[in-house]
Amino acid sequence: MAFYQQSLELKEKIGDVQGKTATFAMLGQLLAAQGDFDQALNYLQQSLKILQHLRSPDAEIVKEIIAEVEQMDGDRKFARGI
């Protein structure tokens, strides 16, 4: 996790927008795997916003990941009776 945070800081400093979006997406997936769905969705939404601005076809992939994470979060809430 710390590696991705450092990577994100570096990419922001050097202006690597594509790398920044990939790092946001990776952080989102990692946090989702750890069960931190709110933070995961935050990173994934940041990635999606940039990809949409760039009109990147990768935006569709991130949309799919977001849908999966939202489903995982919904399943968890349902299981807990929330």
N, C-alpha and C. Protein backbone atom coordinates (compact mmCIF):
# COMPACT_ATOMS: atom_id res chain seq x y z
N MET A 1 0.83 -1.19 0.00
CA MET A 1 0.00 0.00 0.00
C MET A 1 0.88 1.26 0.00
N ALA A 2 1.87 1.27 0.84
CA ALA A 2 2.76 2.43 0.93
C ALA A 2 3.48 2.65 -0.40
N PHE A 3 3.83 1.55 -1.07
CA PHE A 3 4.49 1.66 -2.38
C PHE A 3 3.61 2.42 -3.37
N TYR A 4 2.32 2.10 -3.39
CA TYR A 4 1.40 2.78 -4.31
C TYR A 4 1.25 4.25 -3.95
N GLN A 5 1.23 4.55 -2.65
CA GLN A 5 1.13 5.94 -2.22
C GLN A 5 2.36 6.73 -2.67
N GLN A 6 3.53 6.13 -2.52
CA GLN A 6 4.77 6.79 -2.96
C GLN A 6 4.77 6.96 -4.47
N SER A 7 4.32 5.94 -5.16
CA SER A 7 4.24 5.99 -6.61
C SER A 7 3.31 7.11 -7.06
N LEU A 8 2.18 7.24 -6.39
CA LEU A 8 1.22 8.28 -6.72
C LEU A 8 1.83 9.66 -6.53
N GLU A 9 2.51 9.85 -5.42
CA GLU A 9 3.16 11.14 -5.16
C GLU A 9 4.18 11.47 -6.24
N LEU A 10 4.98 10.48 -6.61
CA LEU A 10 6.00 10.69 -7.65
C LEU A 10 5.35 11.03 -8.99
N LYS A 11 4.32 10.31 -9.34
CA LYS A 11 3.66 10.55 -10.62
C LYS A 11 3.00 11.92 -10.66
N GLU A 12 2.49 12.37 -9.53
CA GLU A 12 1.92 13.71 -9.46
C GLU A 12 3.01 14.76 -9.65
N LYS A 13 4.17 14.55 -9.04
CA LYS A 13 5.27 15.51 -9.15
C LYS A 13 5.79 15.63 -10.58
N ILE A 14 5.87 14.52 -11.27
CA ILE A 14 6.44 14.56 -12.63
C ILE A 14 5.37 14.76 -13.71
N GLY A 15 4.12 14.81 -13.30
CA GLY A 15 3.05 15.06 -14.26
C GLY A 15 2.67 13.87 -15.12
N ASP A 16 2.87 12.68 -14.62
CA ASP A 16 2.53 11.46 -15.34
C ASP A 16 1.05 11.13 -15.12
N VAL A 17 0.20 11.72 -15.95
CA VAL A 17 -1.24 11.58 -15.78
C VAL A 17 -1.69 10.14 -15.99
N GLN A 18 -1.19 9.49 -17.02
CA GLN A 18 -1.58 8.11 -17.30
C GLN A 18 -1.15 7.19 -16.14
N GLY A 19 0.06 7.40 -15.65
CA GLY A 19 0.55 6.60 -14.54
C GLY A 19 -0.26 6.86 -13.28
N LYS A 20 -0.67 8.09 -13.10
CA LYS A 20 -1.48 8.47 -11.94
C LYS A 20 -2.82 7.73 -11.98
N THR A 21 -3.45 7.68 -13.14
CA THR A 21 -4.74 6.99 -13.24
C THR A 21 -4.58 5.50 -12.96
N ALA A 22 -3.50 4.92 -13.47
CA ALA A 22 -3.25 3.49 -13.23
C ALA A 22 -3.03 3.23 -11.74
N THR A 23 -2.31 4.12 -11.09
CA THR A 23 -2.04 3.96 -9.65
C THR A 23 -3.32 4.11 -8.85
N PHE A 24 -4.16 5.09 -9.21
CA PHE A 24 -5.46 5.22 -8.55
C PHE A 24 -6.26 3.92 -8.68
N ALA A 25 -6.27 3.36 -9.88
CA ALA A 25 -7.02 2.13 -10.12
C ALA A 25 -6.45 0.97 -9.30
N MET A 26 -5.14 0.86 -9.25
CA MET A 26 -4.52 -0.22 -8.48
C MET A 26 -4.80 -0.06 -6.99
N LEU A 27 -4.71 1.16 -6.49
CA LEU A 27 -5.03 1.40 -5.08
C LEU A 27 -6.48 1.02 -4.80
N GLY A 28 -7.36 1.39 -5.70
CA GLY A 28 -8.77 1.05 -5.54
C GLY A 28 -8.99 -0.45 -5.46
N GLN A 29 -8.35 -1.18 -6.36
CA GLN A 29 -8.50 -2.63 -6.36
C GLN A 29 -7.90 -3.26 -5.10
N LEU A 30 -6.77 -2.76 -4.68
CA LEU A 30 -6.13 -3.28 -3.47
C LEU A 30 -7.01 -3.05 -2.24
N LEU A 31 -7.53 -1.84 -2.13
CA LEU A 31 -8.38 -1.52 -0.98
C LEU A 31 -9.68 -2.32 -1.01
N ALA A 32 -10.22 -2.56 -2.19
CA ALA A 32 -11.43 -3.38 -2.31
C ALA A 32 -11.15 -4.80 -1.83
N ALA A 33 -10.00 -5.32 -2.21
CA ALA A 33 -9.62 -6.67 -1.78
C ALA A 33 -9.48 -6.75 -0.27
N GLN A 34 -9.13 -5.62 0.35
CA GLN A 34 -8.98 -5.57 1.80
C GLN A 34 -10.29 -5.23 2.51
N GLY A 35 -11.34 -4.98 1.72
CA GLY A 35 -12.65 -4.69 2.29
C GLY A 35 -12.93 -3.23 2.59
N ASP A 36 -12.03 -2.33 2.20
CA ASP A 36 -12.23 -0.89 2.41
C ASP A 36 -12.89 -0.32 1.15
N PHE A 37 -14.19 -0.60 1.01
CA PHE A 37 -14.89 -0.27 -0.22
C PHE A 37 -15.06 1.23 -0.44
N ASP A 38 -15.28 1.99 0.61
CA ASP A 38 -15.45 3.43 0.45
C ASP A 38 -14.20 4.09 -0.12
N GLN A 39 -13.07 3.77 0.46
CA GLN A 39 -11.81 4.34 -0.02
C GLN A 39 -11.47 3.80 -1.42
N ALA A 40 -11.77 2.51 -1.63
CA ALA A 40 -11.52 1.91 -2.95
C ALA A 40 -12.30 2.66 -4.02
N LEU A 41 -13.57 2.91 -3.75
CA LEU A 41 -14.39 3.61 -4.73
C LEU A 41 -13.92 5.04 -4.94
N ASN A 42 -13.39 5.65 -3.90
CA ASN A 42 -12.85 7.00 -4.04
C ASN A 42 -11.69 7.02 -5.05
N TYR A 43 -10.76 6.10 -4.89
CA TYR A 43 -9.63 6.04 -5.82
C TYR A 43 -10.08 5.68 -7.23
N LEU A 44 -10.99 4.73 -7.33
CA LEU A 44 -11.46 4.32 -8.65
C LEU A 44 -12.20 5.45 -9.36
N GLN A 45 -12.98 6.22 -8.62
CA GLN A 45 -13.69 7.35 -9.22
C GLN A 45 -12.71 8.42 -9.71
N GLN A 46 -11.62 8.62 -8.96
CA GLN A 46 -10.60 9.58 -9.40
C GLN A 46 -9.96 9.11 -10.71
N SER A 47 -9.68 7.82 -10.78
CA SER A 47 -9.11 7.26 -11.99
C SER A 47 -10.08 7.44 -13.16
N LEU A 48 -11.34 7.10 -12.93
CA LEU A 48 -12.35 7.21 -13.99
C LEU A 48 -12.49 8.64 -14.48
N LYS A 49 -12.51 9.59 -13.57
CA LYS A 49 -12.67 11.00 -13.95
C LYS A 49 -11.55 11.44 -14.91
N ILE A 50 -10.34 11.08 -14.58
CA ILE A 50 -9.20 11.45 -15.44
C ILE A 50 -9.30 10.73 -16.78
N LEU A 51 -9.59 9.44 -16.75
CA LEU A 51 -9.68 8.68 -18.00
C LEU A 51 -10.78 9.21 -18.90
N GLN A 52 -11.90 9.60 -18.32
CA GLN A 52 -12.97 10.19 -19.13
C GLN A 52 -12.54 11.52 -19.72
N HIS A 53 -11.83 12.30 -18.94
CA HIS A 53 -11.32 13.58 -19.45
C HIS A 53 -10.36 13.36 -20.62
N LEU A 54 -9.56 12.31 -20.53
CA LEU A 54 -8.61 11.98 -21.60
C LEU A 54 -9.29 11.24 -22.76
N ARG A 55 -10.55 10.89 -22.57
CA ARG A 55 -11.30 10.10 -23.56
C ARG A 55 -10.60 8.77 -23.84
N SER A 56 -10.12 8.17 -22.78
CA SER A 56 -9.41 6.91 -22.88
C SER A 56 -10.40 5.74 -22.90
N PRO A 57 -10.15 4.76 -23.76
CA PRO A 57 -11.00 3.57 -23.75
C PRO A 57 -10.88 2.78 -22.43
N ASP A 58 -9.84 3.03 -21.67
CA ASP A 58 -9.66 2.36 -20.38
C ASP A 58 -10.72 2.79 -19.37
N ALA A 59 -11.42 3.88 -19.66
CA ALA A 59 -12.49 4.33 -18.76
C ALA A 59 -13.55 3.24 -18.60
N GLU A 60 -13.81 2.51 -19.66
CA GLU A 60 -14.82 1.45 -19.59
C GLU A 60 -14.39 0.33 -18.64
N ILE A 61 -13.11 0.02 -18.64
CA ILE A 61 -12.58 -1.01 -17.74
C ILE A 61 -12.75 -0.57 -16.29
N VAL A 62 -12.43 0.69 -16.01
CA VAL A 62 -12.55 1.20 -14.65
C VAL A 62 -14.02 1.24 -14.24
N LYS A 63 -14.91 1.57 -15.16
CA LYS A 63 -16.34 1.54 -14.85
C LYS A 63 -16.76 0.14 -14.41
N GLU A 64 -16.26 -0.87 -15.11
CA GLU A 64 -16.59 -2.25 -14.76
C GLU A 64 -16.05 -2.61 -13.37
N ILE A 65 -14.85 -2.16 -13.08
CA ILE A 65 -14.26 -2.43 -11.76
C ILE A 65 -15.09 -1.74 -10.68
N ILE A 66 -15.51 -0.51 -10.94
CA ILE A 66 -16.34 0.22 -9.97
C ILE A 66 -17.63 -0.55 -9.72
N ALA A 67 -18.25 -1.05 -10.78
CA ALA A 67 -19.50 -1.81 -10.61
C ALA A 67 -19.27 -3.06 -9.76
N GLU A 68 -18.14 -3.72 -9.98
CA GLU A 68 -17.82 -4.91 -9.19
C GLU A 68 -17.62 -4.57 -7.72
N VAL A 69 -16.91 -3.48 -7.46
CA VAL A 69 -16.65 -3.06 -6.07
C VAL A 69 -17.96 -2.65 -5.41
N GLU A 70 -18.81 -1.94 -6.14
CA GLU A 70 -20.11 -1.56 -5.58
C GLU A 70 -20.94 -2.80 -5.24
N GLN A 71 -20.86 -3.81 -6.10
CA GLN A 71 -21.57 -5.06 -5.84
C GLN A 71 -21.02 -5.74 -4.59
N MET A 72 -19.69 -5.77 -4.46
CA MET A 72 -19.07 -6.37 -3.29
C MET A 72 -19.50 -5.64 -2.02
N ASP A 73 -19.53 -4.32 -2.09
CA ASP A 73 -19.93 -3.51 -0.94
C ASP A 73 -21.39 -3.78 -0.60
N GLY A 74 -22.23 -3.86 -1.62
CA GLY A 74 -23.65 -4.14 -1.39
C GLY A 74 -23.85 -5.53 -0.78
N ASP A 75 -23.09 -6.50 -1.26
CA ASP A 75 -23.19 -7.86 -0.70
C ASP A 75 -22.78 -7.87 0.77
N ARG A 76 -21.72 -7.12 1.08
CA ARG A 76 -21.24 -7.06 2.47
C ARG A 76 -22.29 -6.42 3.36
N LYS A 77 -22.87 -5.34 2.89
CA LYS A 77 -23.90 -4.65 3.68
C LYS A 77 -25.13 -5.54 3.86
N PHE A 78 -25.49 -6.25 2.81
CA PHE A 78 -26.64 -7.16 2.90
C PHE A 78 -26.37 -8.26 3.92
N ALA A 79 -25.16 -8.82 3.87
CA ALA A 79 -24.81 -9.90 4.80
C ALA A 79 -24.83 -9.43 6.25
N ARG A 80 -24.51 -8.18 6.46
CA ARG A 80 -24.51 -7.62 7.81
C ARG A 80 -25.88 -7.11 8.23
N GLY A 81 -26.79 -7.07 7.27
CA GLY A 81 -28.13 -6.56 7.57
C GLY A 81 -28.20 -5.06 7.66
N ILE A 82 -27.28 -4.39 6.97
CA ILE A 82 -27.23 -2.92 7.00
C ILE A 82 -28.20 -2.36 5.98
